[in-house]
Amino acid sequence: MFFSGEYEATLDAKGRLVLPTKLKAALPPETGDNIVLMRGFEPCLVLYPYSEWKKVFDKVAGLNEFNEEYRNFQRNFLRGNTELELDGNGRFIVPKSMMKFASIEKDVILVGLGNRIEIWNPESYENFLIKDQQEFSQMAQKVLGN
């Protein structure tokens, strides 16, 4: 399983989003059509196949609940997460509270990022991208260089 690429999509009148064919095909077989949708750290939504979500959840749930900082992180990280199942057409309903969080109205950009998919308002996504190639090059050197 590996999600990659950018895909334009549109929510229908009922707030349903069709997972693009290539992304749906990359869902791990053990996950079936079970996904988890959550708020991102940026103003976007993050979609995980259930099997990948379980790995993330286990890390977060394993934090010491008696540590105030960890409790606050757990509370904020896990708030509003929604387990969903794709319907026969590969659609799922995006909850209104999540649409509001990510400023999503109708059009979206889905971005495959390895083990997860981000769902963005196209304008917000464009604003979060690094536009300066030199800045991006320096980041690549810092992150991937020796």
C-alpha atoms as a PDB file:
ATOM      1  CA  MET A   1       0.000   0.000   0.000  1.00  0.00           C
ATOM      2  CA  PHE A   2       1.325   3.351  -1.032  1.00  0.00           C
ATOM      3  CA  PHE A   3      -0.731   6.450  -1.800  1.00  0.00           C
ATOM      4  CA  SER A   4       0.717   9.050  -4.157  1.00  0.00           C
ATOM      5  CA  GLY A   5      -0.369  11.804  -6.516  1.00  0.00           C
ATOM      6  CA  GLU A   6      -2.784  14.716  -6.462  1.00  0.00           C
ATOM      7  CA  TYR A   7      -6.402  14.315  -7.509  1.00  0.00           C
ATOM      8  CA  GLU A   8      -9.143  16.876  -8.015  1.00  0.00           C
ATOM      9  CA  ALA A   9     -12.588  15.860  -6.835  1.00  0.00           C
ATOM     10  CA  THR A  10     -15.976  17.342  -6.010  1.00  0.00           C
ATOM     11  CA  LEU A  11     -18.339  16.588  -3.151  1.00  0.00           C
ATOM     12  CA  ASP A  12     -21.887  15.833  -4.237  1.00  0.00           C
ATOM     13  CA  ALA A  13     -24.966  17.621  -2.858  1.00  0.00           C
ATOM     14  CA  LYS A  14     -25.129  15.189   0.092  1.00  0.00           C
ATOM     15  CA  GLY A  15     -21.509  15.849   1.118  1.00  0.00           C
ATOM     16  CA  ARG A  16     -20.216  12.570  -0.293  1.00  0.00           C
ATOM     17  CA  LEU A  17     -16.758  12.276  -1.797  1.00  0.00           C
ATOM     18  CA  VAL A  18     -15.731   9.575  -4.255  1.00  0.00           C
ATOM     19  CA  LEU A  19     -12.282   8.186  -3.541  1.00  0.00           C
ATOM     20  CA  PRO A  20     -10.402   8.293  -6.878  1.00  0.00           C
ATOM     21  CA  THR A  21      -9.886   4.849  -8.440  1.00  0.00           C
ATOM     22  CA  LYS A  22      -6.087   4.819  -8.021  1.00  0.00           C
ATOM     23  CA  LEU A  23      -6.355   5.721  -4.336  1.00  0.00           C
ATOM     24  CA  LYS A  24      -9.109   3.177  -3.726  1.00  0.00           C
ATOM     25  CA  ALA A  25      -7.027   0.505  -5.469  1.00  0.00           C
ATOM     26  CA  ALA A  26      -4.137   1.237  -3.084  1.00  0.00           C
ATOM     27  CA  LEU A  27      -6.202   0.434   0.017  1.00  0.00           C
ATOM     28  CA  PRO A  28      -4.652  -2.584   1.737  1.00  0.00           C
ATOM     29  CA  PRO A  29      -6.757  -5.758   1.344  1.00  0.00           C
ATOM     30  CA  GLU A  30      -6.956  -6.334   5.111  1.00  0.00           C
ATOM     31  CA  THR A  31      -8.591  -2.906   5.489  1.00  0.00           C
ATOM     32  CA  GLY A  32     -11.363  -3.600   3.035  1.00  0.00           C
ATOM     33  CA  ASP A  33     -13.403  -0.437   2.620  1.00  0.00           C
ATOM     34  CA  ASN A  34     -12.878   0.735   6.219  1.00  0.00           C
ATOM     35  CA  ILE A  35     -11.241   4.136   6.594  1.00  0.00           C
ATOM     36  CA  VAL A  36     -10.726   6.714   9.322  1.00  0.00           C
ATOM     37  CA  LEU A  37     -11.122  10.432   8.695  1.00  0.00           C
ATOM     38  CA  MET A  38      -9.572  12.952  11.065  1.00  0.00           C
ATOM     39  CA  ARG A  39      -8.609  16.608  11.297  1.00  0.00           C
ATOM     40  CA  GLY A  40      -5.071  17.356  10.156  1.00  0.00           C
ATOM     41  CA  PHE A  41      -2.465  19.487  11.883  1.00  0.00           C
ATOM     42  CA  GLU A  42      -2.920  21.977   9.037  1.00  0.00           C
ATOM     43  CA  PRO A  43      -6.403  23.033   7.845  1.00  0.00           C
ATOM     44  CA  CYS A  44      -7.005  19.786   5.978  1.00  0.00           C
ATOM     45  CA  LEU A  45      -8.509  16.368   6.609  1.00  0.00           C
ATOM     46  CA  VAL A  46      -6.478  13.177   6.806  1.00  0.00           C
ATOM     47  CA  LEU A  47      -7.806   9.836   5.643  1.00  0.00           C
ATOM     48  CA  TYR A  48      -6.164   6.592   6.779  1.00  0.00           C
ATOM     49  CA  PRO A  49      -6.951   3.017   5.817  1.00  0.00           C
ATOM     50  CA  TYR A  50      -8.112   1.397   9.062  1.00  0.00           C
ATOM     51  CA  SER A  51      -4.991  -0.807   9.323  1.00  0.00           C
ATOM     52  CA  GLU A  52      -2.692   2.255   9.128  1.00  0.00           C
ATOM     53  CA  TRP A  53      -4.882   4.239  11.503  1.00  0.00           C
ATOM     54  CA  LYS A  54      -4.596   1.437  14.064  1.00  0.00           C
ATOM     55  CA  LYS A  55      -0.776   1.862  14.089  1.00  0.00           C
ATOM     56  CA  VAL A  56      -1.089   5.610  14.709  1.00  0.00           C
ATOM     57  CA  PHE A  57      -3.851   5.129  17.274  1.00  0.00           C
ATOM     58  CA  ASP A  58      -1.793   2.590  19.226  1.00  0.00           C
ATOM     59  CA  LYS A  59       1.083   5.101  19.528  1.00  0.00           C
ATOM     60  CA  VAL A  60      -1.189   7.898  20.713  1.00  0.00           C
ATOM     61  CA  ALA A  61      -3.278   5.710  23.029  1.00  0.00           C
ATOM     62  CA  GLY A  62      -0.074   4.281  24.503  1.00  0.00           C
ATOM     63  CA  LEU A  63       0.995   7.653  25.906  1.00  0.00           C
ATOM     64  CA  ASN A  64       0.912   8.016  29.694  1.00  0.00           C
ATOM     65  CA  GLU A  65      -2.540   9.354  30.545  1.00  0.00           C
ATOM     66  CA  PHE A  66      -1.241  10.687  33.852  1.00  0.00           C
ATOM     67  CA  ASN A  67       0.999  13.177  32.033  1.00  0.00           C
ATOM     68  CA  GLU A  68      -0.978  16.369  31.374  1.00  0.00           C
ATOM     69  CA  GLU A  69       0.833  17.219  28.122  1.00  0.00           C
ATOM     70  CA  TYR A  70       0.196  13.710  26.742  1.00  0.00           C
ATOM     71  CA  ARG A  71      -3.470  13.856  27.786  1.00  0.00           C
ATOM     72  CA  ASN A  72      -3.909  17.195  26.019  1.00  0.00           C
ATOM     73  CA  PHE A  73      -2.244  15.805  22.913  1.00  0.00           C
ATOM     74  CA  GLN A  74      -4.464  12.711  22.965  1.00  0.00           C
ATOM     75  CA  ARG A  75      -7.584  14.817  23.402  1.00  0.00           C
ATOM     76  CA  ASN A  76      -6.743  17.123  20.507  1.00  0.00           C
ATOM     77  CA  PHE A  77      -5.392  14.434  18.215  1.00  0.00           C
ATOM     78  CA  LEU A  78      -8.277  12.016  18.662  1.00  0.00           C
ATOM     79  CA  ARG A  79     -11.149  14.540  18.693  1.00  0.00           C
ATOM     80  CA  GLY A  80     -13.716  14.016  16.038  1.00  0.00           C
ATOM     81  CA  ASN A  81     -12.042  11.054  14.353  1.00  0.00           C
ATOM     82  CA  THR A  82     -14.626   9.193  12.353  1.00  0.00           C
ATOM     83  CA  GLU A  83     -14.550   5.575  11.245  1.00  0.00           C
ATOM     84  CA  LEU A  84     -16.238   5.260   7.871  1.00  0.00           C
ATOM     85  CA  GLU A  85     -16.904   2.620   5.269  1.00  0.00           C
ATOM     86  CA  LEU A  86     -16.806   3.296   1.552  1.00  0.00           C
ATOM     87  CA  ASP A  87     -20.092   2.512  -0.150  1.00  0.00           C
ATOM     88  CA  GLY A  88     -20.316   0.377  -3.290  1.00  0.00           C
ATOM     89  CA  ASN A  89     -19.344   3.367  -5.431  1.00  0.00           C
ATOM     90  CA  GLY A  90     -16.249   4.194  -3.350  1.00  0.00           C
ATOM     91  CA  ARG A  91     -17.943   7.171  -1.662  1.00  0.00           C
ATOM     92  CA  PHE A  92     -17.972   8.358   1.926  1.00  0.00           C
ATOM     93  CA  ILE A  93     -19.744  11.218   3.673  1.00  0.00           C
ATOM     94  CA  VAL A  94     -17.539  14.043   4.931  1.00  0.00           C
ATOM     95  CA  PRO A  95     -19.031  15.229   8.254  1.00  0.00           C
ATOM     96  CA  LYS A  96     -20.074  18.881   8.219  1.00  0.00           C
ATOM     97  CA  SER A  97     -17.878  19.735  11.224  1.00  0.00           C
ATOM     98  CA  MET A  98     -14.847  18.441   9.336  1.00  0.00           C
ATOM     99  CA  MET A  99     -15.818  20.319   6.186  1.00  0.00           C
ATOM    100  CA  LYS A 100     -15.964  23.485   8.262  1.00  0.00           C
ATOM    101  CA  PHE A 101     -12.561  22.780   9.878  1.00  0.00           C
ATOM    102  CA  ALA A 102     -10.881  22.384   6.466  1.00  0.00           C
ATOM    103  CA  SER A 103     -12.927  25.130   4.724  1.00  0.00           C
ATOM    104  CA  ILE A 104     -14.219  22.564   2.263  1.00  0.00           C
ATOM    105  CA  GLU A 105     -17.346  23.454   0.357  1.00  0.00           C
ATOM    106  CA  LYS A 106     -17.426  21.528  -2.891  1.00  0.00           C
ATOM    107  CA  ASP A 107     -14.099  21.154  -4.686  1.00  0.00           C
ATOM    108  CA  VAL A 108     -11.175  19.355  -3.044  1.00  0.00           C
ATOM    109  CA  ILE A 109      -7.644  18.182  -3.757  1.00  0.00           C
ATOM    110  CA  LEU A 110      -6.728  14.714  -2.494  1.00  0.00           C
ATOM    111  CA  VAL A 111      -3.005  14.232  -1.924  1.00  0.00           C
ATOM    112  CA  GLY A 112      -1.486  10.772  -1.515  1.00  0.00           C
ATOM    113  CA  LEU A 113       1.247  10.800   1.132  1.00  0.00           C
ATOM    114  CA  GLY A 114       2.389   7.209   1.506  1.00  0.00           C
ATOM    115  CA  ASN A 115       0.298   5.729   4.314  1.00  0.00           C
ATOM    116  CA  ARG A 116      -2.390   8.429   4.259  1.00  0.00           C
ATOM    117  CA  ILE A 117      -4.363  10.827   2.069  1.00  0.00           C
ATOM    118  CA  GLU A 118      -4.830  14.513   2.810  1.00  0.00           C
ATOM    119  CA  ILE A 119      -8.010  16.255   1.669  1.00  0.00           C
ATOM    120  CA  TRP A 120      -7.683  19.993   1.096  1.00  0.00           C
ATOM    121  CA  ASN A 121      -9.637  23.012   0.007  1.00  0.00           C
ATOM    122  CA  PRO A 122      -7.732  23.776  -3.260  1.00  0.00           C
ATOM    123  CA  GLU A 123      -6.976  27.384  -2.277  1.00  0.00           C
ATOM    124  CA  SER A 124      -5.704  26.391   1.183  1.00  0.00           C
ATOM    125  CA  TYR A 125      -3.535  23.670  -0.350  1.00  0.00           C
ATOM    126  CA  GLU A 126      -1.969  26.118  -2.772  1.00  0.00           C
ATOM    127  CA  ASN A 127      -1.230  28.520   0.100  1.00  0.00           C
ATOM    128  CA  PHE A 128       0.563  25.792   2.087  1.00  0.00           C
ATOM    129  CA  LEU A 129       2.853  24.718  -0.750  1.00  0.00           C
ATOM    130  CA  ILE A 130       6.396  26.069  -0.874  1.00  0.00           C
ATOM    131  CA  LYS A 131       6.538  28.232  -3.962  1.00  0.00           C
ATOM    132  CA  ASP A 132      10.226  29.160  -3.812  1.00  0.00           C
ATOM    133  CA  GLN A 133      12.304  26.363  -5.380  1.00  0.00           C
ATOM    134  CA  GLN A 134      15.451  27.473  -3.562  1.00  0.00           C
ATOM    135  CA  GLU A 135      13.633  27.298  -0.219  1.00  0.00           C
ATOM    136  CA  PHE A 136      12.340  23.841  -1.148  1.00  0.00           C
ATOM    137  CA  SER A 137      15.838  22.757  -2.189  1.00  0.00           C
ATOM    138  CA  GLN A 138      17.249  23.922   1.147  1.00  0.00           C
ATOM    139  CA  MET A 139      14.502  22.036   2.980  1.00  0.00           C
ATOM    140  CA  ALA A 140      15.292  18.890   1.004  1.00  0.00           C
ATOM    141  CA  GLN A 141      18.954  19.204   1.940  1.00  0.00           C
ATOM    142  CA  LYS A 142      18.078  19.674   5.617  1.00  0.00           C
ATOM    143  CA  VAL A 143      15.566  16.831   5.724  1.00  0.00           C
ATOM    144  CA  LEU A 144      17.198  14.315   3.377  1.00  0.00           C
ATOM    145  CA  GLY A 145      20.852  15.371   3.290  1.00  0.00           C
ATOM    146  CA  ASN A 146      23.615  14.046   5.487  1.00  0.00           C
END
